[in-house]
């Protein structure tokens, strides 16, 4: 009998110890989505937004605008739900939004309003009037500081104006995190101008890291370049493999998605590109293999995909379903697909 009680006591002790060693983790989704010309129907003084007015080339009216808002909110609300059902993304960077009015209209769409989503937007100098913004769930992310770092041209190009780098700093899951949301110069410009963007963002990132070495920095956006392009791989210093990420580098989990899997976020002439990327500083990585998740760490990444985001028939079958194609309104979504990364942190 005494031996039986000793065995039972040992079992209880081992069971209690095992339970004590169980760890719980929180998961947080961070995304990016190019909204493809999310304009309202009102002219903004000094901006070339005439194409998206009721009498403009796109015959942009209230019906089309609110259909666009509904479609965008549907996608934004579903991003991150593959791993976090009914929760979705904590933070989403967006590009090609006209102003704070459209951002307010966007977060007031039912699926985003139900989660209490808010936004950060700073008006930029782009001649068409398109900006970057950051949407966030205040349950998980608390912004503390935001500013728009301008894209600086050389003197000979001073007449040009384009999107700056929206920088938002705050707390995500208790960690200091900076999000830098980008929309680099288009492919109408030569590579040099995107490389210049990469260098400027790297300098911005380095200055933030110097001020606070514990700061985790996530750079996201429509870079108008692939992961292996000089602007990303060299100018920004976003590496393909974790083992190659140095102290001042970033990790780019999208390189192999395109290079190995052949998947991208937008299609041109039947070929996928992966212009929409989310890259991160090494303090978000488990570089030493210690599996220390006491602070936020990168878990995995995905291109967000749903059947409704694609053309199902016609000449462009299999391509992304855009708002317009050939001047015809399709009541679609965007020429880009969204991207998502998942971060995890041990819960105390």
C-alpha atoms as a PDB file:
ATOM      1  CA  UNK A   1       0.000   0.000   0.000  1.00  0.00           C
ATOM      2  CA  UNK A   2       2.805   2.393   0.946  1.00  0.00           C
ATOM      3  CA  UNK A   3       4.537   1.627  -2.384  1.00  0.00           C
ATOM      4  CA  UNK A   4       1.289   2.371  -4.260  1.00  0.00           C
ATOM      5  CA  UNK A   5       0.977   5.797  -2.596  1.00  0.00           C
ATOM      6  CA  UNK A   6       4.614   6.542  -3.443  1.00  0.00           C
ATOM      7  CA  UNK A   7       3.974   5.687  -7.133  1.00  0.00           C
ATOM      8  CA  UNK A   8       0.819   7.810  -7.171  1.00  0.00           C
ATOM      9  CA  UNK A   9       2.701  10.703  -5.543  1.00  0.00           C
ATOM     10  CA  UNK A  10       5.452  10.459  -8.133  1.00  0.00           C
ATOM     11  CA  UNK A  11       2.866  10.480 -10.941  1.00  0.00           C
ATOM     12  CA  UNK A  12       1.212  13.611  -9.540  1.00  0.00           C
ATOM     13  CA  UNK A  13       4.615  15.292  -9.164  1.00  0.00           C
ATOM     14  CA  UNK A  14       5.617  14.470 -12.753  1.00  0.00           C
ATOM     15  CA  UNK A  15       2.189  15.553 -14.085  1.00  0.00           C
ATOM     16  CA  UNK A  16       2.429  18.850 -12.222  1.00  0.00           C
ATOM     17  CA  UNK A  17       5.970  19.443 -13.481  1.00  0.00           C
ATOM     18  CA  UNK A  18       4.889  18.702 -17.059  1.00  0.00           C
ATOM     19  CA  UNK A  19       1.980  21.120 -16.752  1.00  0.00           C
ATOM     20  CA  UNK A  20       4.319  23.767 -15.361  1.00  0.00           C
ATOM     21  CA  UNK A  21       6.583  23.377 -18.410  1.00  0.00           C
ATOM     22  CA  UNK A  22       3.738  23.918 -20.857  1.00  0.00           C
ATOM     23  CA  UNK A  23       4.128  27.250 -22.608  1.00  0.00           C
ATOM     24  CA  UNK A  24       1.471  29.380 -24.162  1.00  0.00           C
ATOM     25  CA  UNK A  25       2.137  31.596 -27.134  1.00  0.00           C
ATOM     26  CA  UNK A  26       0.433  34.571 -28.664  1.00  0.00           C
ATOM     27  CA  UNK A  27       0.374  34.926 -32.448  1.00  0.00           C
ATOM     28  CA  UNK A  28       0.139  38.207 -34.317  1.00  0.00           C
ATOM     29  CA  UNK A  29      -0.400  38.736 -38.044  1.00  0.00           C
ATOM     30  CA  UNK A  30       1.177  41.662 -39.895  1.00  0.00           C
ATOM     31  CA  UNK A  31       0.141  42.315 -43.491  1.00  0.00           C
ATOM     32  CA  UNK A  32       0.483  44.586 -46.483  1.00  0.00           C
ATOM     33  CA  UNK A  33      -1.952  45.247 -49.323  1.00  0.00           C
ATOM     34  CA  UNK A  34      -1.775  47.639 -52.280  1.00  0.00           C
ATOM     35  CA  UNK A  35      -5.311  49.072 -52.586  1.00  0.00           C
ATOM     36  CA  UNK A  36      -4.947  49.938 -56.292  1.00  0.00           C
ATOM     37  CA  UNK A  37      -6.286  53.460 -56.602  1.00  0.00           C
ATOM     38  CA  UNK A  38      -8.542  53.852 -53.587  1.00  0.00           C
ATOM     39  CA  UNK A  39      -9.803  57.320 -54.493  1.00  0.00           C
ATOM     40  CA  UNK A  40     -12.903  59.121 -53.313  1.00  0.00           C
ATOM     41  CA  UNK A  41     -15.023  61.175 -55.765  1.00  0.00           C
ATOM     42  CA  UNK A  42     -13.856  64.609 -54.573  1.00  0.00           C
ATOM     43  CA  UNK A  43     -11.010  66.592 -56.122  1.00  0.00           C
ATOM     44  CA  UNK A  44      -8.063  67.277 -53.800  1.00  0.00           C
ATOM     45  CA  UNK A  45      -6.559  70.676 -54.522  1.00  0.00           C
ATOM     46  CA  UNK A  46      -3.131  70.441 -56.112  1.00  0.00           C
ATOM     47  CA  UNK A  47      -3.432  66.726 -56.921  1.00  0.00           C
ATOM     48  CA  UNK A  48      -3.800  65.089 -60.311  1.00  0.00           C
ATOM     49  CA  UNK A  49      -6.774  62.922 -59.289  1.00  0.00           C
ATOM     50  CA  UNK A  50      -9.007  63.938 -62.216  1.00  0.00           C
ATOM     51  CA  UNK A  51      -9.101  60.398 -63.630  1.00  0.00           C
ATOM     52  CA  UNK A  52     -11.016  59.305 -60.521  1.00  0.00           C
ATOM     53  CA  UNK A  53     -13.762  61.918 -60.568  1.00  0.00           C
ATOM     54  CA  UNK A  54     -17.344  61.455 -61.840  1.00  0.00           C
ATOM     55  CA  UNK A  55     -16.487  63.164 -65.129  1.00  0.00           C
ATOM     56  CA  UNK A  56     -13.017  61.591 -65.365  1.00  0.00           C
ATOM     57  CA  UNK A  57     -11.758  58.746 -67.519  1.00  0.00           C
ATOM     58  CA  UNK A  58     -12.859  56.114 -64.994  1.00  0.00           C
ATOM     59  CA  UNK A  59     -16.313  57.699 -64.480  1.00  0.00           C
ATOM     60  CA  UNK A  60     -15.642  57.244 -60.780  1.00  0.00           C
ATOM     61  CA  UNK A  61     -18.874  57.746 -58.841  1.00  0.00           C
ATOM     62  CA  UNK A  62     -20.349  56.998 -55.431  1.00  0.00           C
ATOM     63  CA  UNK A  63     -21.589  53.556 -56.406  1.00  0.00           C
ATOM     64  CA  UNK A  64     -18.145  52.452 -57.613  1.00  0.00           C
ATOM     65  CA  UNK A  65     -16.408  54.056 -54.640  1.00  0.00           C
ATOM     66  CA  UNK A  66     -18.507  52.294 -52.019  1.00  0.00           C
ATOM     67  CA  UNK A  67     -18.243  48.998 -53.909  1.00  0.00           C
ATOM     68  CA  UNK A  68     -14.459  49.431 -53.827  1.00  0.00           C
ATOM     69  CA  UNK A  69     -14.531  50.148 -50.084  1.00  0.00           C
ATOM     70  CA  UNK A  70     -16.615  47.028 -49.465  1.00  0.00           C
ATOM     71  CA  UNK A  71     -14.263  44.860 -51.524  1.00  0.00           C
ATOM     72  CA  UNK A  72     -11.133  46.210 -49.862  1.00  0.00           C
ATOM     73  CA  UNK A  73     -12.602  45.777 -46.370  1.00  0.00           C
ATOM     74  CA  UNK A  74     -13.508  42.180 -47.181  1.00  0.00           C
ATOM     75  CA  UNK A  75      -9.912  41.334 -48.047  1.00  0.00           C
ATOM     76  CA  UNK A  76      -8.376  43.313 -45.195  1.00  0.00           C
ATOM     77  CA  UNK A  77     -10.661  41.648 -42.656  1.00  0.00           C
ATOM     78  CA  UNK A  78      -9.774  38.161 -43.933  1.00  0.00           C
ATOM     79  CA  UNK A  79      -6.016  38.683 -43.953  1.00  0.00           C
ATOM     80  CA  UNK A  80      -4.430  36.633 -41.182  1.00  0.00           C
ATOM     81  CA  UNK A  81      -7.548  34.558 -40.543  1.00  0.00           C
ATOM     82  CA  UNK A  82      -5.958  31.407 -41.981  1.00  0.00           C
ATOM     83  CA  UNK A  83      -4.031  31.156 -38.712  1.00  0.00           C
ATOM     84  CA  UNK A  84      -6.122  33.495 -36.536  1.00  0.00           C
ATOM     85  CA  UNK A  85      -9.825  32.907 -37.264  1.00  0.00           C
ATOM     86  CA  UNK A  86     -12.124  35.749 -36.175  1.00  0.00           C
ATOM     87  CA  UNK A  87      -9.077  37.813 -35.187  1.00  0.00           C
ATOM     88  CA  UNK A  88      -7.169  38.539 -38.370  1.00  0.00           C
ATOM     89  CA  UNK A  89      -4.258  40.919 -38.671  1.00  0.00           C
ATOM     90  CA  UNK A  90      -3.054  43.164 -35.876  1.00  0.00           C
ATOM     91  CA  UNK A  91      -1.363  45.568 -38.297  1.00  0.00           C
ATOM     92  CA  UNK A  92      -1.738  46.087 -42.062  1.00  0.00           C
ATOM     93  CA  UNK A  93       0.207  48.521 -44.199  1.00  0.00           C
ATOM     94  CA  UNK A  94      -1.598  49.818 -47.289  1.00  0.00           C
ATOM     95  CA  UNK A  95      -0.610  51.856 -50.325  1.00  0.00           C
ATOM     96  CA  UNK A  96      -2.435  53.788 -53.064  1.00  0.00           C
ATOM     97  CA  UNK A  97      -4.932  55.451 -50.727  1.00  0.00           C
ATOM     98  CA  UNK A  98      -5.872  59.032 -51.534  1.00  0.00           C
ATOM     99  CA  UNK A  99      -6.348  60.695 -48.163  1.00  0.00           C
ATOM    100  CA  UNK A 100      -7.630  60.429 -44.600  1.00  0.00           C
ATOM    101  CA  UNK A 101     -11.240  60.589 -45.809  1.00  0.00           C
ATOM    102  CA  UNK A 102     -10.970  57.314 -47.693  1.00  0.00           C
ATOM    103  CA  UNK A 103      -9.135  55.734 -44.758  1.00  0.00           C
ATOM    104  CA  UNK A 104     -11.933  56.779 -42.395  1.00  0.00           C
ATOM    105  CA  UNK A 105     -14.546  55.418 -44.807  1.00  0.00           C
ATOM    106  CA  UNK A 106     -12.527  52.203 -45.078  1.00  0.00           C
ATOM    107  CA  UNK A 107     -12.247  51.446 -41.356  1.00  0.00           C
ATOM    108  CA  UNK A 108     -15.937  52.208 -40.946  1.00  0.00           C
ATOM    109  CA  UNK A 109     -16.851  49.314 -43.247  1.00  0.00           C
ATOM    110  CA  UNK A 110     -18.678  46.679 -41.130  1.00  0.00           C
ATOM    111  CA  UNK A 111     -16.001  43.920 -41.027  1.00  0.00           C
ATOM    112  CA  UNK A 112     -13.292  46.389 -39.943  1.00  0.00           C
ATOM    113  CA  UNK A 113     -15.517  48.454 -37.677  1.00  0.00           C
ATOM    114  CA  UNK A 114     -16.529  45.284 -35.811  1.00  0.00           C
ATOM    115  CA  UNK A 115     -12.884  44.883 -34.749  1.00  0.00           C
ATOM    116  CA  UNK A 116     -12.456  48.557 -33.886  1.00  0.00           C
ATOM    117  CA  UNK A 117      -9.733  49.023 -36.497  1.00  0.00           C
ATOM    118  CA  UNK A 118      -8.021  52.419 -36.612  1.00  0.00           C
ATOM    119  CA  UNK A 119      -5.463  53.980 -38.925  1.00  0.00           C
ATOM    120  CA  UNK A 120      -2.459  56.261 -39.231  1.00  0.00           C
ATOM    121  CA  UNK A 121      -2.197  58.418 -42.356  1.00  0.00           C
ATOM    122  CA  UNK A 122      -0.006  61.396 -43.175  1.00  0.00           C
ATOM    123  CA  UNK A 123      -0.624  63.342 -46.373  1.00  0.00           C
ATOM    124  CA  UNK A 124       2.309  63.042 -48.752  1.00  0.00           C
ATOM    125  CA  UNK A 125       3.637  64.915 -51.804  1.00  0.00           C
ATOM    126  CA  UNK A 126       2.737  62.418 -54.546  1.00  0.00           C
ATOM    127  CA  UNK A 127       1.376  64.274 -57.572  1.00  0.00           C
ATOM    128  CA  UNK A 128      -1.449  61.790 -58.121  1.00  0.00           C
ATOM    129  CA  UNK A 129      -2.343  62.074 -54.455  1.00  0.00           C
ATOM    130  CA  UNK A 130      -1.776  58.454 -53.452  1.00  0.00           C
ATOM    131  CA  UNK A 131      -0.262  57.743 -50.040  1.00  0.00           C
ATOM    132  CA  UNK A 132       0.622  54.935 -47.676  1.00  0.00           C
ATOM    133  CA  UNK A 133      -1.234  54.298 -44.421  1.00  0.00           C
ATOM    134  CA  UNK A 134      -1.215  51.858 -41.519  1.00  0.00           C
ATOM    135  CA  UNK A 135      -4.340  50.103 -40.268  1.00  0.00           C
ATOM    136  CA  UNK A 136      -4.165  48.555 -36.810  1.00  0.00           C
ATOM    137  CA  UNK A 137      -6.212  46.755 -34.199  1.00  0.00           C
ATOM    138  CA  UNK A 138      -5.849  48.717 -30.927  1.00  0.00           C
ATOM    139  CA  UNK A 139      -6.304  45.473 -28.965  1.00  0.00           C
ATOM    140  CA  UNK A 140      -2.823  44.443 -30.063  1.00  0.00           C
ATOM    141  CA  UNK A 141      -0.908  47.490 -31.325  1.00  0.00           C
ATOM    142  CA  UNK A 142      -0.594  50.894 -29.663  1.00  0.00           C
ATOM    143  CA  UNK A 143       0.998  53.602 -31.827  1.00  0.00           C
ATOM    144  CA  UNK A 144       3.158  56.090 -29.963  1.00  0.00           C
ATOM    145  CA  UNK A 145       4.887  58.112 -32.690  1.00  0.00           C
ATOM    146  CA  UNK A 146       4.464  58.543 -36.431  1.00  0.00           C
ATOM    147  CA  UNK A 147       6.126  60.598 -39.137  1.00  0.00           C
ATOM    148  CA  UNK A 148       6.552  60.662 -42.905  1.00  0.00           C
ATOM    149  CA  UNK A 149      10.193  60.390 -43.916  1.00  0.00           C
ATOM    150  CA  UNK A 150      10.434  62.027 -47.361  1.00  0.00           C
ATOM    151  CA  UNK A 151      11.955  60.382 -50.391  1.00  0.00           C
ATOM    152  CA  UNK A 152      14.903  62.639 -51.242  1.00  0.00           C
ATOM    153  CA  UNK A 153      15.755  63.157 -54.896  1.00  0.00           C
ATOM    154  CA  UNK A 154      19.012  64.500 -56.235  1.00  0.00           C
ATOM    155  CA  UNK A 155      19.058  68.186 -57.132  1.00  0.00           C
ATOM    156  CA  UNK A 156      18.591  67.461 -60.836  1.00  0.00           C
ATOM    157  CA  UNK A 157      15.346  65.603 -60.051  1.00  0.00           C
ATOM    158  CA  UNK A 158      13.992  68.092 -57.520  1.00  0.00           C
ATOM    159  CA  UNK A 159      10.847  68.753 -59.601  1.00  0.00           C
ATOM    160  CA  UNK A 160       9.636  65.217 -58.939  1.00  0.00           C
ATOM    161  CA  UNK A 161       7.557  64.261 -55.923  1.00  0.00           C
ATOM    162  CA  UNK A 162       6.684  60.770 -54.765  1.00  0.00           C
ATOM    163  CA  UNK A 163       5.537  58.860 -51.713  1.00  0.00           C
ATOM    164  CA  UNK A 164       7.622  59.117 -48.576  1.00  0.00           C
ATOM    165  CA  UNK A 165       8.187  56.344 -46.047  1.00  0.00           C
ATOM    166  CA  UNK A 166       5.399  56.262 -43.448  1.00  0.00           C
ATOM    167  CA  UNK A 167       7.014  55.381 -40.123  1.00  0.00           C
ATOM    168  CA  UNK A 168       4.888  54.315 -37.159  1.00  0.00           C
ATOM    169  CA  UNK A 169       6.401  53.329 -33.805  1.00  0.00           C
ATOM    170  CA  UNK A 170       4.582  51.727 -30.900  1.00  0.00           C
ATOM    171  CA  UNK A 171       3.958  48.606 -28.855  1.00  0.00           C
ATOM    172  CA  UNK A 172       2.947  45.254 -30.324  1.00  0.00           C
ATOM    173  CA  UNK A 173       2.466  42.529 -27.716  1.00  0.00           C
ATOM    174  CA  UNK A 174       4.467  44.696 -25.330  1.00  0.00           C
ATOM    175  CA  UNK A 175       7.510  44.938 -27.625  1.00  0.00           C
ATOM    176  CA  UNK A 176       8.859  48.119 -29.185  1.00  0.00           C
ATOM    177  CA  UNK A 177       8.120  47.821 -32.911  1.00  0.00           C
ATOM    178  CA  UNK A 178       8.546  50.235 -35.816  1.00  0.00           C
ATOM    179  CA  UNK A 179       6.640  49.766 -39.068  1.00  0.00           C
ATOM    180  CA  UNK A 180       7.979  51.500 -42.183  1.00  0.00           C
ATOM    181  CA  UNK A 181       5.359  51.442 -44.961  1.00  0.00           C
ATOM    182  CA  UNK A 182       6.681  52.037 -48.475  1.00  0.00           C
ATOM    183  CA  UNK A 183       5.561  52.505 -52.057  1.00  0.00           C
ATOM    184  CA  UNK A 184       8.779  52.885 -54.026  1.00  0.00           C
ATOM    185  CA  UNK A 185       9.040  54.581 -57.462  1.00  0.00           C
ATOM    186  CA  UNK A 186       7.244  52.701 -60.224  1.00  0.00           C
ATOM    187  CA  UNK A 187       8.744  50.676 -63.049  1.00  0.00           C
ATOM    188  CA  UNK A 188       8.293  53.742 -65.246  1.00  0.00           C
ATOM    189  CA  UNK A 189      11.470  54.917 -63.517  1.00  0.00           C
ATOM    190  CA  UNK A 190      14.803  53.126 -63.893  1.00  0.00           C
ATOM    191  CA  UNK A 191      16.182  50.878 -61.135  1.00  0.00           C
ATOM    192  CA  UNK A 192      18.397  53.656 -59.784  1.00  0.00           C
ATOM    193  CA  UNK A 193      15.448  55.448 -58.178  1.00  0.00           C
ATOM    194  CA  UNK A 194      14.272  52.345 -56.336  1.00  0.00           C
ATOM    195  CA  UNK A 195      17.828  51.619 -55.253  1.00  0.00           C
ATOM    196  CA  UNK A 196      17.909  55.151 -53.906  1.00  0.00           C
ATOM    197  CA  UNK A 197      14.719  54.356 -51.953  1.00  0.00           C
ATOM    198  CA  UNK A 198      16.351  51.213 -50.569  1.00  0.00           C
ATOM    199  CA  UNK A 199      19.387  53.150 -49.363  1.00  0.00           C
ATOM    200  CA  UNK A 200      17.237  55.808 -47.727  1.00  0.00           C
ATOM    201  CA  UNK A 201      15.063  53.261 -45.927  1.00  0.00           C
ATOM    202  CA  UNK A 202      18.178  51.448 -44.741  1.00  0.00           C
ATOM    203  CA  UNK A 203      19.557  54.703 -43.324  1.00  0.00           C
ATOM    204  CA  UNK A 204      16.218  55.342 -41.616  1.00  0.00           C
ATOM    205  CA  UNK A 205      16.226  51.842 -40.157  1.00  0.00           C
ATOM    206  CA  UNK A 206      19.819  52.200 -38.951  1.00  0.00           C
ATOM    207  CA  UNK A 207      19.103  55.515 -37.220  1.00  0.00           C
ATOM    208  CA  UNK A 208      16.114  54.005 -35.404  1.00  0.00           C
ATOM    209  CA  UNK A 209      18.152  50.967 -34.348  1.00  0.00           C
ATOM    210  CA  UNK A 210      20.956  53.193 -33.089  1.00  0.00           C
ATOM    211  CA  UNK A 211      18.519  55.176 -30.935  1.00  0.00           C
ATOM    212  CA  UNK A 212      16.952  51.990 -29.545  1.00  0.00           C
ATOM    213  CA  UNK A 213      18.846  48.720 -30.184  1.00  0.00           C
ATOM    214  CA  UNK A 214      15.883  46.741 -28.812  1.00  0.00           C
ATOM    215  CA  UNK A 215      13.526  48.200 -31.401  1.00  0.00           C
ATOM    216  CA  UNK A 216      12.147  45.617 -33.798  1.00  0.00           C
ATOM    217  CA  UNK A 217      11.751  47.074 -37.286  1.00  0.00           C
ATOM    218  CA  UNK A 218       9.496  45.794 -40.036  1.00  0.00           C
ATOM    219  CA  UNK A 219       9.768  47.312 -43.512  1.00  0.00           C
ATOM    220  CA  UNK A 220       6.809  46.588 -45.764  1.00  0.00           C
ATOM    221  CA  UNK A 221       5.345  47.806 -48.991  1.00  0.00           C
ATOM    222  CA  UNK A 222       5.018  47.709 -52.735  1.00  0.00           C
ATOM    223  CA  UNK A 223       8.664  47.983 -53.676  1.00  0.00           C
ATOM    224  CA  UNK A 224       8.046  47.755 -57.448  1.00  0.00           C
ATOM    225  CA  UNK A 225      10.966  45.315 -57.454  1.00  0.00           C
ATOM    226  CA  UNK A 226      11.456  41.630 -56.747  1.00  0.00           C
ATOM    227  CA  UNK A 227      13.365  40.331 -53.686  1.00  0.00           C
ATOM    228  CA  UNK A 228      16.516  39.726 -55.736  1.00  0.00           C
ATOM    229  CA  UNK A 229      16.465  43.179 -57.378  1.00  0.00           C
ATOM    230  CA  UNK A 230      19.365  45.504 -56.465  1.00  0.00           C
ATOM    231  CA  UNK A 231      17.077  47.856 -54.523  1.00  0.00           C
ATOM    232  CA  UNK A 232      16.059  45.090 -52.107  1.00  0.00           C
ATOM    233  CA  UNK A 233      19.040  42.724 -52.044  1.00  0.00           C
ATOM    234  CA  UNK A 234      21.848  45.301 -52.038  1.00  0.00           C
ATOM    235  CA  UNK A 235      20.576  48.799 -51.295  1.00  0.00           C
ATOM    236  CA  UNK A 236      18.213  47.773 -48.491  1.00  0.00           C
ATOM    237  CA  UNK A 237      20.294  44.741 -47.498  1.00  0.00           C
ATOM    238  CA  UNK A 238      17.407  42.244 -47.266  1.00  0.00           C
ATOM    239  CA  UNK A 239      18.958  38.760 -47.291  1.00  0.00           C
ATOM    240  CA  UNK A 240      17.570  35.550 -48.753  1.00  0.00           C
ATOM    241  CA  UNK A 241      18.635  33.179 -45.959  1.00  0.00           C
ATOM    242  CA  UNK A 242      18.534  33.691 -42.196  1.00  0.00           C
ATOM    243  CA  UNK A 243      22.096  32.457 -41.797  1.00  0.00           C
ATOM    244  CA  UNK A 244      23.342  35.334 -43.951  1.00  0.00           C
ATOM    245  CA  UNK A 245      21.573  38.086 -41.992  1.00  0.00           C
ATOM    246  CA  UNK A 246      24.118  40.315 -40.305  1.00  0.00           C
ATOM    247  CA  UNK A 247      23.543  42.805 -37.524  1.00  0.00           C
ATOM    248  CA  UNK A 248      22.710  45.663 -39.904  1.00  0.00           C
ATOM    249  CA  UNK A 249      20.829  43.539 -42.453  1.00  0.00           C
ATOM    250  CA  UNK A 250      17.212  42.503 -42.835  1.00  0.00           C
ATOM    251  CA  UNK A 251      15.650  39.129 -43.559  1.00  0.00           C
ATOM    252  CA  UNK A 252      13.500  38.693 -46.656  1.00  0.00           C
ATOM    253  CA  UNK A 253      11.285  35.570 -46.404  1.00  0.00           C
ATOM    254  CA  UNK A 254       9.771  36.224 -49.858  1.00  0.00           C
ATOM    255  CA  UNK A 255      12.888  35.543 -51.921  1.00  0.00           C
ATOM    256  CA  UNK A 256      12.413  31.772 -51.909  1.00  0.00           C
ATOM    257  CA  UNK A 257       8.654  32.093 -52.414  1.00  0.00           C
ATOM    258  CA  UNK A 258       9.356  33.565 -55.848  1.00  0.00           C
ATOM    259  CA  UNK A 259      12.658  31.883 -56.703  1.00  0.00           C
ATOM    260  CA  UNK A 260      11.761  28.340 -55.594  1.00  0.00           C
ATOM    261  CA  UNK A 261       7.970  28.220 -55.666  1.00  0.00           C
ATOM    262  CA  UNK A 262       7.377  30.598 -58.560  1.00  0.00           C
ATOM    263  CA  UNK A 263       4.597  32.410 -56.690  1.00  0.00           C
ATOM    264  CA  UNK A 264       4.147  36.171 -56.668  1.00  0.00           C
ATOM    265  CA  UNK A 265       1.787  39.003 -55.902  1.00  0.00           C
ATOM    266  CA  UNK A 266       1.140  40.480 -59.342  1.00  0.00           C
ATOM    267  CA  UNK A 267       1.305  39.178 -62.882  1.00  0.00           C
ATOM    268  CA  UNK A 268       2.708  40.871 -65.951  1.00  0.00           C
ATOM    269  CA  UNK A 269       2.739  39.247 -69.391  1.00  0.00           C
ATOM    270  CA  UNK A 270       1.855  35.901 -67.843  1.00  0.00           C
ATOM    271  CA  UNK A 271       4.757  35.990 -65.367  1.00  0.00           C
ATOM    272  CA  UNK A 272       4.565  36.486 -61.606  1.00  0.00           C
ATOM    273  CA  UNK A 273       6.483  39.214 -59.819  1.00  0.00           C
ATOM    274  CA  UNK A 274       6.687  39.601 -56.056  1.00  0.00           C
ATOM    275  CA  UNK A 275       6.782  43.347 -55.460  1.00  0.00           C
ATOM    276  CA  UNK A 276       4.849  43.256 -52.167  1.00  0.00           C
ATOM    277  CA  UNK A 277       7.213  42.330 -49.369  1.00  0.00           C
ATOM    278  CA  UNK A 278       7.575  42.433 -45.599  1.00  0.00           C
ATOM    279  CA  UNK A 279      11.151  42.263 -44.295  1.00  0.00           C
ATOM    280  CA  UNK A 280      12.490  42.475 -40.755  1.00  0.00           C
ATOM    281  CA  UNK A 281      15.491  43.166 -38.535  1.00  0.00           C
ATOM    282  CA  UNK A 282      17.467  40.221 -37.053  1.00  0.00           C
ATOM    283  CA  UNK A 283      16.059  40.712 -33.530  1.00  0.00           C
ATOM    284  CA  UNK A 284      12.815  39.240 -34.903  1.00  0.00           C
ATOM    285  CA  UNK A 285      14.604  36.003 -35.853  1.00  0.00           C
ATOM    286  CA  UNK A 286      15.657  32.883 -33.960  1.00  0.00           C
ATOM    287  CA  UNK A 287      19.170  33.096 -35.404  1.00  0.00           C
ATOM    288  CA  UNK A 288      20.952  31.134 -32.686  1.00  0.00           C
ATOM    289  CA  UNK A 289      18.391  28.311 -32.565  1.00  0.00           C
ATOM    290  CA  UNK A 290      17.686  28.812 -28.863  1.00  0.00           C
ATOM    291  CA  UNK A 291      13.941  29.113 -29.477  1.00  0.00           C
ATOM    292  CA  UNK A 292      13.734  32.076 -27.169  1.00  0.00           C
ATOM    293  CA  UNK A 293      10.263  33.497 -27.727  1.00  0.00           C
ATOM    294  CA  UNK A 294      10.262  35.836 -24.752  1.00  0.00           C
ATOM    295  CA  UNK A 295      10.061  38.596 -27.363  1.00  0.00           C
ATOM    296  CA  UNK A 296       8.362  38.625 -30.756  1.00  0.00           C
ATOM    297  CA  UNK A 297       9.841  36.256 -33.318  1.00  0.00           C
ATOM    298  CA  UNK A 298       9.079  35.542 -36.956  1.00  0.00           C
ATOM    299  CA  UNK A 299       7.056  32.339 -37.449  1.00  0.00           C
ATOM    300  CA  UNK A 300       6.005  32.113 -41.094  1.00  0.00           C
ATOM    301  CA  UNK A 301       4.803  34.082 -44.111  1.00  0.00           C
ATOM    302  CA  UNK A 302       2.154  33.647 -46.783  1.00  0.00           C
ATOM    303  CA  UNK A 303       0.704  35.260 -49.868  1.00  0.00           C
ATOM    304  CA  UNK A 304      -2.951  35.765 -48.985  1.00  0.00           C
ATOM    305  CA  UNK A 305      -5.124  34.138 -51.635  1.00  0.00           C
ATOM    306  CA  UNK A 306      -8.841  33.640 -52.208  1.00  0.00           C
ATOM    307  CA  UNK A 307     -10.600  32.486 -55.371  1.00  0.00           C
ATOM    308  CA  UNK A 308     -12.534  35.734 -55.611  1.00  0.00           C
ATOM    309  CA  UNK A 309      -9.292  37.691 -56.066  1.00  0.00           C
ATOM    310  CA  UNK A 310      -8.685  36.151 -59.514  1.00  0.00           C
ATOM    311  CA  UNK A 311     -10.181  36.422 -62.982  1.00  0.00           C
ATOM    312  CA  UNK A 312     -12.059  33.202 -63.722  1.00  0.00           C
ATOM    313  CA  UNK A 313     -12.605  33.601 -67.465  1.00  0.00           C
ATOM    314  CA  UNK A 314     -11.574  35.481 -70.562  1.00  0.00           C
ATOM    315  CA  UNK A 315      -8.214  36.681 -71.801  1.00  0.00           C
ATOM    316  CA  UNK A 316      -6.866  37.392 -68.313  1.00  0.00           C
ATOM    317  CA  UNK A 317      -8.076  34.197 -66.639  1.00  0.00           C
ATOM    318  CA  UNK A 318      -5.855  33.386 -63.674  1.00  0.00           C
ATOM    319  CA  UNK A 319      -4.705  36.978 -63.265  1.00  0.00           C
ATOM    320  CA  UNK A 320      -5.687  39.184 -60.357  1.00  0.00           C
ATOM    321  CA  UNK A 321      -9.172  40.687 -60.607  1.00  0.00           C
ATOM    322  CA  UNK A 322      -8.609  44.424 -60.794  1.00  0.00           C
ATOM    323  CA  UNK A 323     -11.004  47.307 -60.234  1.00  0.00           C
ATOM    324  CA  UNK A 324     -10.730  48.186 -63.932  1.00  0.00           C
ATOM    325  CA  UNK A 325      -9.265  46.455 -66.964  1.00  0.00           C
ATOM    326  CA  UNK A 326      -9.108  48.086 -70.370  1.00  0.00           C
ATOM    327  CA  UNK A 327     -11.182  50.956 -69.034  1.00  0.00           C
ATOM    328  CA  UNK A 328     -13.999  48.607 -68.036  1.00  0.00           C
ATOM    329  CA  UNK A 329     -15.142  48.537 -64.407  1.00  0.00           C
ATOM    330  CA  UNK A 330     -14.921  44.947 -63.104  1.00  0.00           C
ATOM    331  CA  UNK A 331     -15.955  45.608 -59.495  1.00  0.00           C
ATOM    332  CA  UNK A 332     -12.742  43.840 -58.599  1.00  0.00           C
ATOM    333  CA  UNK A 333     -10.100  44.240 -55.920  1.00  0.00           C
ATOM    334  CA  UNK A 334      -6.498  45.060 -56.817  1.00  0.00           C
ATOM    335  CA  UNK A 335      -3.787  44.231 -59.302  1.00  0.00           C
ATOM    336  CA  UNK A 336      -1.756  43.008 -56.307  1.00  0.00           C
ATOM    337  CA  UNK A 337      -2.272  40.175 -53.836  1.00  0.00           C
ATOM    338  CA  UNK A 338      -1.784  40.817 -50.111  1.00  0.00           C
ATOM    339  CA  UNK A 339       1.061  39.371 -48.058  1.00  0.00           C
ATOM    340  CA  UNK A 340       1.105  38.350 -44.397  1.00  0.00           C
ATOM    341  CA  UNK A 341       3.764  37.415 -41.850  1.00  0.00           C
ATOM    342  CA  UNK A 342       3.015  35.772 -38.496  1.00  0.00           C
ATOM    343  CA  UNK A 343       4.917  36.618 -35.329  1.00  0.00           C
ATOM    344  CA  UNK A 344       4.819  34.669 -32.069  1.00  0.00           C
ATOM    345  CA  UNK A 345       5.643  35.493 -28.476  1.00  0.00           C
ATOM    346  CA  UNK A 346       5.524  33.466 -25.287  1.00  0.00           C
ATOM    347  CA  UNK A 347       2.708  34.522 -22.992  1.00  0.00           C
ATOM    348  CA  UNK A 348       3.646  34.938 -19.323  1.00  0.00           C
END
